[in-house]
Each structure stands twice: as C-alpha cells, then as structure tokens.
Amino acid sequence: VLHFLDTLVERDDLSAMLVSRLGSKYPQISNSKNCEIR
C-alpha cells in the first residue's frame, strides 16, 4: 500500500476529483489509522 501511494505521489497528472474517488474506493487508505499510510 505504501509503495502504491508513493508511486501516486510522484505523479503530476491526477485531479482532485480522481483522488477523491480513490479515497471512496479504498476506505482502508483514506480512513486508515496506520500513520505511514496516513
């Protein structure tokens, strides 16, 4: 999961709407209590 997020952070072609949709699709990321994921 961390590698997935690191890869996304390095991109420059996403949008606020797409990232918001990502959070809805993966609540285990957007609602995680794991501080490295947060």
PDB file of all heavy atoms in Angstrom:
ATOM      1  N   VAL A   1       0.840  -1.204   0.000  1.00  0.00           N
ATOM      2  CA  VAL A   1       0.000   0.000   0.000  1.00  0.00           C
ATOM      3  C   VAL A   1       0.874   1.253   0.000  1.00  0.00           C
ATOM      4  O   VAL A   1       0.601   2.223  -0.729  1.00  0.00           O
ATOM      5  CB  VAL A   1      -0.957  -0.005   1.203  1.00  0.00           C
ATOM      6  CG1 VAL A   1      -1.758   1.298   1.265  1.00  0.00           C
ATOM      7  CG2 VAL A   1      -1.904  -1.201   1.145  1.00  0.00           C
ATOM      8  N   LEU A   2       1.930   1.244   0.792  1.00  0.00           N
ATOM      9  CA  LEU A   2       2.831   2.401   0.843  1.00  0.00           C
ATOM     10  C   LEU A   2       3.487   2.626  -0.512  1.00  0.00           C
ATOM     11  O   LEU A   2       3.626   3.774  -0.975  1.00  0.00           O
ATOM     12  CB  LEU A   2       3.902   2.206   1.924  1.00  0.00           C
ATOM     13  CG  LEU A   2       3.408   2.013   3.360  1.00  0.00           C
ATOM     14  CD1 LEU A   2       4.594   1.949   4.324  1.00  0.00           C
ATOM     15  CD2 LEU A   2       2.455   3.115   3.787  1.00  0.00           C
ATOM     16  N   HIS A   3       3.911   1.554  -1.161  1.00  0.00           N
ATOM     17  CA  HIS A   3       4.550   1.685  -2.477  1.00  0.00           C
ATOM     18  C   HIS A   3       3.547   2.229  -3.496  1.00  0.00           C
ATOM     19  O   HIS A   3       3.896   3.071  -4.340  1.00  0.00           O
ATOM     20  CB  HIS A   3       5.097   0.334  -2.922  1.00  0.00           C
ATOM     21  CG  HIS A   3       5.913   0.398  -4.170  1.00  0.00           C
ATOM     22  ND1 HIS A   3       6.992   1.235  -4.321  1.00  0.00           N
ATOM     23  CD2 HIS A   3       5.795  -0.286  -5.360  1.00  0.00           C
ATOM     24  CE1 HIS A   3       7.521   1.075  -5.531  1.00  0.00           C
ATOM     25  NE2 HIS A   3       6.804   0.170  -6.176  1.00  0.00           N
ATOM     26  N   PHE A   4       2.327   1.779  -3.436  1.00  0.00           N
ATOM     27  CA  PHE A   4       1.259   2.294  -4.304  1.00  0.00           C
ATOM     28  C   PHE A   4       1.094   3.799  -4.112  1.00  0.00           C
ATOM     29  O   PHE A   4       1.067   4.571  -5.083  1.00  0.00           O
ATOM     30  CB  PHE A   4      -0.033   1.547  -3.965  1.00  0.00           C
ATOM     31  CG  PHE A   4      -1.278   2.125  -4.568  1.00  0.00           C
ATOM     32  CD1 PHE A   4      -1.444   2.184  -5.944  1.00  0.00           C
ATOM     33  CD2 PHE A   4      -2.301   2.593  -3.750  1.00  0.00           C
ATOM     34  CE1 PHE A   4      -2.611   2.709  -6.499  1.00  0.00           C
ATOM     35  CE2 PHE A   4      -3.465   3.112  -4.297  1.00  0.00           C
ATOM     36  CZ  PHE A   4      -3.622   3.168  -5.673  1.00  0.00           C
ATOM     37  N   LEU A   5       1.026   4.244  -2.860  1.00  0.00           N
ATOM     38  CA  LEU A   5       0.836   5.668  -2.590  1.00  0.00           C
ATOM     39  C   LEU A   5       2.069   6.485  -2.957  1.00  0.00           C
ATOM     40  O   LEU A   5       1.950   7.601  -3.487  1.00  0.00           O
ATOM     41  CB  LEU A   5       0.467   5.875  -1.120  1.00  0.00           C
ATOM     42  CG  LEU A   5      -0.915   5.345  -0.715  1.00  0.00           C
ATOM     43  CD1 LEU A   5      -1.095   5.423   0.802  1.00  0.00           C
ATOM     44  CD2 LEU A   5      -2.016   6.122  -1.417  1.00  0.00           C
ATOM     45  N   ASP A   6       3.255   5.954  -2.700  1.00  0.00           N
ATOM     46  CA  ASP A   6       4.478   6.651  -3.102  1.00  0.00           C
ATOM     47  C   ASP A   6       4.502   6.860  -4.617  1.00  0.00           C
ATOM     48  O   ASP A   6       4.905   7.924  -5.112  1.00  0.00           O
ATOM     49  CB  ASP A   6       5.722   5.856  -2.689  1.00  0.00           C
ATOM     50  CG  ASP A   6       6.042   5.989  -1.208  1.00  0.00           C
ATOM     51  OD1 ASP A   6       5.637   6.997  -0.594  1.00  0.00           O
ATOM     52  OD2 ASP A   6       6.711   5.087  -0.667  1.00  0.00           O
ATOM     53  N   THR A   7       4.078   5.840  -5.357  1.00  0.00           N
ATOM     54  CA  THR A   7       4.055   5.945  -6.813  1.00  0.00           C
ATOM     55  C   THR A   7       3.060   7.011  -7.271  1.00  0.00           C
ATOM     56  O   THR A   7       3.341   7.797  -8.187  1.00  0.00           O
ATOM     57  CB  THR A   7       3.698   4.581  -7.437  1.00  0.00           C
ATOM     58  OG1 THR A   7       4.601   3.581  -6.941  1.00  0.00           O
ATOM     59  CG2 THR A   7       3.794   4.624  -8.954  1.00  0.00           C
ATOM     60  N   LEU A   8       1.908   7.071  -6.611  1.00  0.00           N
ATOM     61  CA  LEU A   8       0.910   8.083  -6.960  1.00  0.00           C
ATOM     62  C   LEU A   8       1.392   9.486  -6.623  1.00  0.00           C
ATOM     63  O   LEU A   8       1.161  10.431  -7.390  1.00  0.00           O
ATOM     64  CB  LEU A   8      -0.407   7.796  -6.232  1.00  0.00           C
ATOM     65  CG  LEU A   8      -1.251   6.634  -6.740  1.00  0.00           C
ATOM     66  CD1 LEU A   8      -2.501   6.500  -5.888  1.00  0.00           C
ATOM     67  CD2 LEU A   8      -1.619   6.823  -8.207  1.00  0.00           C
ATOM     68  N   VAL A   9       2.052   9.643  -5.475  1.00  0.00           N
ATOM     69  CA  VAL A   9       2.521  10.968  -5.060  1.00  0.00           C
ATOM     70  C   VAL A   9       3.510  11.531  -6.080  1.00  0.00           C
ATOM     71  O   VAL A   9       3.570  12.750  -6.296  1.00  0.00           O
ATOM     72  CB  VAL A   9       3.147  10.906  -3.651  1.00  0.00           C
ATOM     73  CG1 VAL A   9       3.913  12.184  -3.324  1.00  0.00           C
ATOM     74  CG2 VAL A   9       2.066  10.670  -2.596  1.00  0.00           C
ATOM     75  N   GLU A  10       4.265  10.671  -6.747  1.00  0.00           N
ATOM     76  CA  GLU A  10       5.253  11.128  -7.726  1.00  0.00           C
ATOM     77  C   GLU A  10       4.614  11.523  -9.062  1.00  0.00           C
ATOM     78  O   GLU A  10       5.267  12.158  -9.895  1.00  0.00           O
ATOM     79  CB  GLU A  10       6.308  10.039  -7.946  1.00  0.00           C
ATOM     80  CG  GLU A  10       7.214   9.840  -6.738  1.00  0.00           C
ATOM     81  CD  GLU A  10       8.260   8.770  -6.959  1.00  0.00           C
ATOM     82  OE1 GLU A  10       8.317   8.229  -8.098  1.00  0.00           O
ATOM     83  OE2 GLU A  10       9.015   8.469  -6.029  1.00  0.00           O
ATOM     84  N   ARG A  11       3.340  11.168  -9.262  1.00  0.00           N
ATOM     85  CA  ARG A  11       2.670  11.562 -10.495  1.00  0.00           C
ATOM     86  C   ARG A  11       2.240  13.028 -10.440  1.00  0.00           C
ATOM     87  O   ARG A  11       2.046  13.586  -9.363  1.00  0.00           O
ATOM     88  CB  ARG A  11       1.448  10.670 -10.754  1.00  0.00           C
ATOM     89  CG  ARG A  11       1.814   9.290 -11.251  1.00  0.00           C
ATOM     90  CD  ARG A  11       0.595   8.406 -11.464  1.00  0.00           C
ATOM     91  NE  ARG A  11      -0.394   8.980 -12.374  1.00  0.00           N
ATOM     92  CZ  ARG A  11      -1.491   8.326 -12.772  1.00  0.00           C
ATOM     93  NH1 ARG A  11      -1.697   7.080 -12.369  1.00  0.00           N
ATOM     94  NH2 ARG A  11      -2.354   8.914 -13.579  1.00  0.00           N
ATOM     95  N   ASP A  12       2.049  13.622 -11.594  1.00  0.00           N
ATOM     96  CA  ASP A  12       1.604  15.016 -11.677  1.00  0.00           C
ATOM     97  C   ASP A  12       0.356  15.173 -12.541  1.00  0.00           C
ATOM     98  O   ASP A  12      -0.025  16.300 -12.878  1.00  0.00           O
ATOM     99  CB  ASP A  12       2.725  15.895 -12.271  1.00  0.00           C
ATOM    100  CG  ASP A  12       3.925  15.997 -11.339  1.00  0.00           C
ATOM    101  OD1 ASP A  12       3.722  16.205 -10.126  1.00  0.00           O
ATOM    102  OD2 ASP A  12       5.057  15.854 -11.834  1.00  0.00           O
ATOM    103  N   ASP A  13      -0.289  14.061 -12.869  1.00  0.00           N
ATOM    104  CA  ASP A  13      -1.378  14.133 -13.842  1.00  0.00           C
ATOM    105  C   ASP A  13      -2.723  13.677 -13.267  1.00  0.00           C
ATOM    106  O   ASP A  13      -3.643  13.335 -14.017  1.00  0.00           O
ATOM    107  CB  ASP A  13      -1.034  13.279 -15.064  1.00  0.00           C
ATOM    108  CG  ASP A  13      -0.779  11.810 -14.717  1.00  0.00           C
ATOM    109  OD1 ASP A  13      -0.570  11.509 -13.508  1.00  0.00           O
ATOM    110  OD2 ASP A  13      -0.774  10.961 -15.632  1.00  0.00           O
ATOM    111  N   LEU A  14      -2.856  13.681 -11.939  1.00  0.00           N
ATOM    112  CA  LEU A  14      -4.136  13.334 -11.330  1.00  0.00           C
ATOM    113  C   LEU A  14      -4.967  14.605 -11.149  1.00  0.00           C
ATOM    114  O   LEU A  14      -4.555  15.699 -11.503  1.00  0.00           O
ATOM    115  CB  LEU A  14      -3.911  12.623  -9.998  1.00  0.00           C
ATOM    116  CG  LEU A  14      -3.042  11.356 -10.037  1.00  0.00           C
ATOM    117  CD1 LEU A  14      -2.875  10.760  -8.646  1.00  0.00           C
ATOM    118  CD2 LEU A  14      -3.635  10.314 -10.986  1.00  0.00           C
ATOM    119  N   SER A  15      -6.147  14.452 -10.593  1.00  0.00           N
ATOM    120  CA  SER A  15      -7.025  15.589 -10.323  1.00  0.00           C
ATOM    121  C   SER A  15      -7.648  15.424  -8.952  1.00  0.00           C
ATOM    122  O   SER A  15      -7.667  14.320  -8.380  1.00  0.00           O
ATOM    123  CB  SER A  15      -8.132  15.679 -11.373  1.00  0.00           C
ATOM    124  OG  SER A  15      -9.004  14.556 -11.257  1.00  0.00           O
ATOM    125  N   ALA A  16      -8.183  16.507  -8.412  1.00  0.00           N
ATOM    126  CA  ALA A  16      -8.838  16.440  -7.101  1.00  0.00           C
ATOM    127  C   ALA A  16     -10.000  15.458  -7.142  1.00  0.00           C
ATOM    128  O   ALA A  16     -10.224  14.682  -6.196  1.00  0.00           O
ATOM    129  CB  ALA A  16      -9.314  17.835  -6.685  1.00  0.00           C
ATOM    130  N   MET A  17     -10.763  15.467  -8.231  1.00  0.00           N
ATOM    131  CA  MET A  17     -11.908  14.564  -8.336  1.00  0.00           C
ATOM    132  C   MET A  17     -11.459  13.109  -8.349  1.00  0.00           C
ATOM    133  O   MET A  17     -12.071  12.244  -7.698  1.00  0.00           O
ATOM    134  CB  MET A  17     -12.707  14.877  -9.602  1.00  0.00           C
ATOM    135  CG  MET A  17     -13.966  14.034  -9.760  1.00  0.00           C
ATOM    136  SD  MET A  17     -14.905  14.490 -11.238  1.00  0.00           S
ATOM    137  CE  MET A  17     -15.368  16.174 -10.812  1.00  0.00           C
ATOM    138  N   LEU A  18     -10.363  12.834  -9.067  1.00  0.00           N
ATOM    139  CA  LEU A  18      -9.879  11.458  -9.162  1.00  0.00           C
ATOM    140  C   LEU A  18      -9.337  10.985  -7.814  1.00  0.00           C
ATOM    141  O   LEU A  18      -9.583   9.840  -7.399  1.00  0.00           O
ATOM    142  CB  LEU A  18      -8.797  11.370 -10.236  1.00  0.00           C
ATOM    143  CG  LEU A  18      -8.454   9.976 -10.779  1.00  0.00           C
ATOM    144  CD1 LEU A  18      -9.693   9.295 -11.345  1.00  0.00           C
ATOM    145  CD2 LEU A  18      -7.370  10.076 -11.833  1.00  0.00           C
ATOM    146  N   VAL A  19      -8.601  11.837  -7.099  1.00  0.00           N
ATOM    147  CA  VAL A  19      -8.079  11.462  -5.783  1.00  0.00           C
ATOM    148  C   VAL A  19      -9.226  11.266  -4.807  1.00  0.00           C
ATOM    149  O   VAL A  19      -9.210  10.339  -3.981  1.00  0.00           O
ATOM    150  CB  VAL A  19      -7.087  12.535  -5.278  1.00  0.00           C
ATOM    151  CG1 VAL A  19      -6.683  12.251  -3.838  1.00  0.00           C
ATOM    152  CG2 VAL A  19      -5.851  12.581  -6.173  1.00  0.00           C
ATOM    153  N   SER A  20     -10.252  12.099  -4.886  1.00  0.00           N
ATOM    154  CA  SER A  20     -11.421  11.926  -4.023  1.00  0.00           C
ATOM    155  C   SER A  20     -12.110  10.597  -4.304  1.00  0.00           C
ATOM    156  O   SER A  20     -12.525   9.877  -3.388  1.00  0.00           O
ATOM    157  CB  SER A  20     -12.388  13.086  -4.241  1.00  0.00           C
ATOM    158  OG  SER A  20     -13.513  12.955  -3.397  1.00  0.00           O
ATOM    159  N   ARG A  21     -12.227  10.261  -5.588  1.00  0.00           N
ATOM    160  CA  ARG A  21     -12.821   8.971  -5.954  1.00  0.00           C
ATOM    161  C   ARG A  21     -11.962   7.818  -5.434  1.00  0.00           C
ATOM    162  O   ARG A  21     -12.481   6.785  -5.009  1.00  0.00           O
ATOM    163  CB  ARG A  21     -12.974   8.891  -7.473  1.00  0.00           C
ATOM    164  CG  ARG A  21     -13.674   7.637  -7.944  1.00  0.00           C
ATOM    165  CD  ARG A  21     -13.807   7.606  -9.452  1.00  0.00           C
ATOM    166  NE  ARG A  21     -14.669   8.683  -9.939  1.00  0.00           N
ATOM    167  CZ  ARG A  21     -14.981   8.853 -11.236  1.00  0.00           C
ATOM    168  NH1 ARG A  21     -14.499   8.022 -12.153  1.00  0.00           N
ATOM    169  NH2 ARG A  21     -15.757   9.851 -11.612  1.00  0.00           N
ATOM    170  N   LEU A  22     -10.644   8.003  -5.472  1.00  0.00           N
ATOM    171  CA  LEU A  22      -9.729   6.985  -4.945  1.00  0.00           C
ATOM    172  C   LEU A  22      -9.996   6.741  -3.468  1.00  0.00           C
ATOM    173  O   LEU A  22     -10.029   5.594  -2.998  1.00  0.00           O
ATOM    174  CB  LEU A  22      -8.288   7.448  -5.162  1.00  0.00           C
ATOM    175  CG  LEU A  22      -7.165   6.493  -4.779  1.00  0.00           C
ATOM    176  CD1 LEU A  22      -6.996   5.419  -5.844  1.00  0.00           C
ATOM    177  CD2 LEU A  22      -5.849   7.254  -4.614  1.00  0.00           C
ATOM    178  N   GLY A  23     -10.194   7.833  -2.702  1.00  0.00           N
ATOM    179  CA  GLY A  23     -10.472   7.691  -1.278  1.00  0.00           C
ATOM    180  C   GLY A  23     -11.769   6.961  -1.011  1.00  0.00           C
ATOM    181  O   GLY A  23     -11.877   6.180  -0.053  1.00  0.00           O
ATOM    182  N   SER A  24     -12.774   7.189  -1.840  1.00  0.00           N
ATOM    183  CA  SER A  24     -14.056   6.499  -1.678  1.00  0.00           C
ATOM    184  C   SER A  24     -13.939   5.020  -2.017  1.00  0.00           C
ATOM    185  O   SER A  24     -14.530   4.162  -1.351  1.00  0.00           O
ATOM    186  CB  SER A  24     -15.118   7.152  -2.568  1.00  0.00           C
ATOM    187  OG  SER A  24     -15.313   8.501  -2.211  1.00  0.00           O
ATOM    188  N   LYS A  25     -13.150   4.716  -3.048  1.00  0.00           N
ATOM    189  CA  LYS A  25     -12.974   3.323  -3.473  1.00  0.00           C
ATOM    190  C   LYS A  25     -12.186   2.526  -2.444  1.00  0.00           C
ATOM    191  O   LYS A  25     -12.461   1.346  -2.214  1.00  0.00           O
ATOM    192  CB  LYS A  25     -12.251   3.305  -4.819  1.00  0.00           C
ATOM    193  CG  LYS A  25     -11.745   1.950  -5.277  1.00  0.00           C
ATOM    194  CD  LYS A  25     -12.860   1.006  -5.662  1.00  0.00           C
ATOM    195  CE  LYS A  25     -12.289  -0.299  -6.236  1.00  0.00           C
ATOM    196  NZ  LYS A  25     -13.347  -1.271  -6.564  1.00  0.00           N
ATOM    197  N   TYR A  26     -11.197   3.192  -1.805  1.00  0.00           N
ATOM    198  CA  TYR A  26     -10.310   2.478  -0.882  1.00  0.00           C
ATOM    199  C   TYR A  26     -10.368   3.118   0.509  1.00  0.00           C
ATOM    200  O   TYR A  26      -9.436   3.819   0.918  1.00  0.00           O
ATOM    201  CB  TYR A  26      -8.874   2.490  -1.405  1.00  0.00           C
ATOM    202  CG  TYR A  26      -8.708   1.847  -2.762  1.00  0.00           C
ATOM    203  CD1 TYR A  26      -8.294   2.602  -3.854  1.00  0.00           C
ATOM    204  CD2 TYR A  26      -8.974   0.492  -2.949  1.00  0.00           C
ATOM    205  CE1 TYR A  26      -8.139   2.022  -5.105  1.00  0.00           C
ATOM    206  CE2 TYR A  26      -8.825  -0.101  -4.190  1.00  0.00           C
ATOM    207  CZ  TYR A  26      -8.409   0.666  -5.266  1.00  0.00           C
ATOM    208  OH  TYR A  26      -8.271   0.072  -6.502  1.00  0.00           O
ATOM    209  N   PRO A  27     -11.436   2.864   1.266  1.00  0.00           N
ATOM    210  CA  PRO A  27     -11.509   3.434   2.620  1.00  0.00           C
ATOM    211  C   PRO A  27     -10.417   2.903   3.537  1.00  0.00           C
ATOM    212  O   PRO A  27     -10.083   3.555   4.533  1.00  0.00           O
ATOM    213  CB  PRO A  27     -12.909   3.019   3.094  1.00  0.00           C
ATOM    214  CG  PRO A  27     -13.272   1.835   2.247  1.00  0.00           C
ATOM    215  CD  PRO A  27     -12.632   2.088   0.923  1.00  0.00           C
ATOM    216  N   GLN A  28      -9.844   1.728   3.207  1.00  0.00           N
ATOM    217  CA  GLN A  28      -8.741   1.217   4.024  1.00  0.00           C
ATOM    218  C   GLN A  28      -7.516   2.107   3.904  1.00  0.00           C
ATOM    219  O   GLN A  28      -6.596   2.025   4.723  1.00  0.00           O
ATOM    220  CB  GLN A  28      -8.397  -0.231   3.660  1.00  0.00           C
ATOM    221  CG  GLN A  28      -7.926  -0.462   2.233  1.00  0.00           C
ATOM    222  CD  GLN A  28      -9.038  -0.833   1.289  1.00  0.00           C
ATOM    223  OE1 GLN A  28      -9.979  -0.066   1.126  1.00  0.00           O
ATOM    224  NE2 GLN A  28      -8.942  -2.016   0.674  1.00  0.00           N
ATOM    225  N   ILE A  29      -7.487   2.983   2.907  1.00  0.00           N
ATOM    226  CA  ILE A  29      -6.443   4.005   2.790  1.00  0.00           C
ATOM    227  C   ILE A  29      -6.918   5.320   3.394  1.00  0.00           C
ATOM    228  O   ILE A  29      -6.287   5.874   4.285  1.00  0.00           O
ATOM    229  CB  ILE A  29      -6.031   4.206   1.314  1.00  0.00           C
ATOM    230  CG1 ILE A  29      -5.268   2.980   0.809  1.00  0.00           C
ATOM    231  CG2 ILE A  29      -5.181   5.462   1.163  1.00  0.00           C
ATOM    232  CD1 ILE A  29      -4.877   3.065  -0.659  1.00  0.00           C
ATOM    233  N   SER A  30      -8.044   5.827   2.919  1.00  0.00           N
ATOM    234  CA  SER A  30      -8.488   7.160   3.335  1.00  0.00           C
ATOM    235  C   SER A  30      -8.898   7.215   4.798  1.00  0.00           C
ATOM    236  O   SER A  30      -8.827   8.275   5.423  1.00  0.00           O
ATOM    237  CB  SER A  30      -9.643   7.623   2.449  1.00  0.00           C
ATOM    238  OG  SER A  30     -10.706   6.695   2.466  1.00  0.00           O
ATOM    239  N   ASN A  31      -9.305   6.072   5.382  1.00  0.00           N
ATOM    240  CA  ASN A  31      -9.699   6.037   6.793  1.00  0.00           C
ATOM    241  C   ASN A  31      -8.709   5.273   7.660  1.00  0.00           C
ATOM    242  O   ASN A  31      -9.021   4.927   8.795  1.00  0.00           O
ATOM    243  CB  ASN A  31     -11.092   5.400   6.945  1.00  0.00           C
ATOM    244  CG  ASN A  31     -12.172   6.190   6.245  1.00  0.00           C
ATOM    245  OD1 ASN A  31     -12.097   7.421   6.150  1.00  0.00           O
ATOM    246  ND2 ASN A  31     -13.199   5.505   5.741  1.00  0.00           N
ATOM    247  N   SER A  32      -7.531   5.010   7.124  1.00  0.00           N
ATOM    248  CA  SER A  32      -6.558   4.184   7.851  1.00  0.00           C
ATOM    249  C   SER A  32      -6.081   4.866   9.128  1.00  0.00           C
ATOM    250  O   SER A  32      -5.942   6.095   9.186  1.00  0.00           O
ATOM    251  CB  SER A  32      -5.349   3.895   6.950  1.00  0.00           C
ATOM    252  OG  SER A  32      -4.365   3.161   7.643  1.00  0.00           O
ATOM    253  N   LYS A  33      -5.810   4.053  10.142  1.00  0.00           N
ATOM    254  CA  LYS A  33      -5.186   4.535  11.375  1.00  0.00           C
ATOM    255  C   LYS A  33      -3.683   4.296  11.365  1.00  0.00           C
ATOM    256  O   LYS A  33      -2.989   4.674  12.310  1.00  0.00           O
ATOM    257  CB  LYS A  33      -5.810   3.831  12.591  1.00  0.00           C
ATOM    258  CG  LYS A  33      -7.315   4.025  12.723  1.00  0.00           C
ATOM    259  CD  LYS A  33      -7.694   5.502  12.798  1.00  0.00           C
ATOM    260  CE  LYS A  33      -9.202   5.683  12.932  1.00  0.00           C
ATOM    261  NZ  LYS A  33      -9.583   7.115  12.868  1.00  0.00           N
ATOM    262  N   ASN A  34      -3.180   3.657  10.314  1.00  0.00           N
ATOM    263  CA  ASN A  34      -1.748   3.416  10.176  1.00  0.00           C
ATOM    264  C   ASN A  34      -1.075   4.720   9.760  1.00  0.00           C
ATOM    265  O   ASN A  34      -1.381   5.292   8.711  1.00  0.00           O
ATOM    266  CB  ASN A  34      -1.522   2.329   9.115  1.00  0.00           C
ATOM    267  CG  ASN A  34      -0.064   1.958   8.948  1.00  0.00           C
ATOM    268  OD1 ASN A  34       0.770   2.795   8.659  1.00  0.00           O
ATOM    269  ND2 ASN A  34       0.230   0.669   9.107  1.00  0.00           N
ATOM    270  N   CYS A  35      -0.153   5.208  10.586  1.00  0.00           N
ATOM    271  CA  CYS A  35       0.408   6.540  10.363  1.00  0.00           C
ATOM    272  C   CYS A  35       1.235   6.633   9.083  1.00  0.00           C
ATOM    273  O   CYS A  35       1.308   7.709   8.465  1.00  0.00           O
ATOM    274  CB  CYS A  35       1.255   6.958  11.563  1.00  0.00           C
ATOM    275  SG  CYS A  35       0.266   7.394  13.012  1.00  0.00           S
ATOM    276  N   GLU A  36       1.885   5.547   8.664  1.00  0.00           N
ATOM    277  CA  GLU A  36       2.638   5.589   7.416  1.00  0.00           C
ATOM    278  C   GLU A  36       1.705   5.767   6.228  1.00  0.00           C
ATOM    279  O   GLU A  36       2.014   6.503   5.285  1.00  0.00           O
ATOM    280  CB  GLU A  36       3.475   4.312   7.258  1.00  0.00           C
ATOM    281  CG  GLU A  36       4.603   4.171   8.247  1.00  0.00           C
ATOM    282  CD  GLU A  36       5.759   5.139   7.969  1.00  0.00           C
ATOM    283  OE1 GLU A  36       5.906   5.575   6.818  1.00  0.00           O
ATOM    284  OE2 GLU A  36       6.498   5.444   8.918  1.00  0.00           O
ATOM    285  N   ILE A  37       0.554   5.098   6.267  1.00  0.00           N
ATOM    286  CA  ILE A  37      -0.441   5.284   5.208  1.00  0.00           C
ATOM    287  C   ILE A  37      -1.028   6.695   5.283  1.00  0.00           C
ATOM    288  O   ILE A  37      -1.181   7.376   4.262  1.00  0.00           O
ATOM    289  CB  ILE A  37      -1.552   4.220   5.330  1.00  0.00           C
ATOM    290  CG1 ILE A  37      -0.985   2.816   5.032  1.00  0.00           C
ATOM    291  CG2 ILE A  37      -2.716   4.539   4.387  1.00  0.00           C
ATOM    292  CD1 ILE A  37      -1.980   1.691   5.242  1.00  0.00           C
ATOM    293  N   ARG A  38      -1.330   7.152   6.495  1.00  0.00           N
ATOM    294  CA  ARG A  38      -1.930   8.484   6.644  1.00  0.00           C
ATOM    295  C   ARG A  38      -0.999   9.574   6.129  1.00  0.00           C
ATOM    296  O   ARG A  38      -1.452  10.543   5.515  1.00  0.00           O
ATOM    297  CB  ARG A  38      -2.286   8.742   8.112  1.00  0.00           C
ATOM    298  CG  ARG A  38      -3.412   7.873   8.620  1.00  0.00           C
ATOM    299  CD  ARG A  38      -3.713   8.108  10.085  1.00  0.00           C
ATOM    300  NE  ARG A  38      -4.478   9.330  10.303  1.00  0.00           N
ATOM    301  CZ  ARG A  38      -4.917   9.711  11.503  1.00  0.00           C
ATOM    302  NH1 ARG A  38      -4.650   8.980  12.573  1.00  0.00           N
ATOM    303  NH2 ARG A  38      -5.608  10.834  11.632  1.00  0.00           N
TER     304      ARG A  38
END
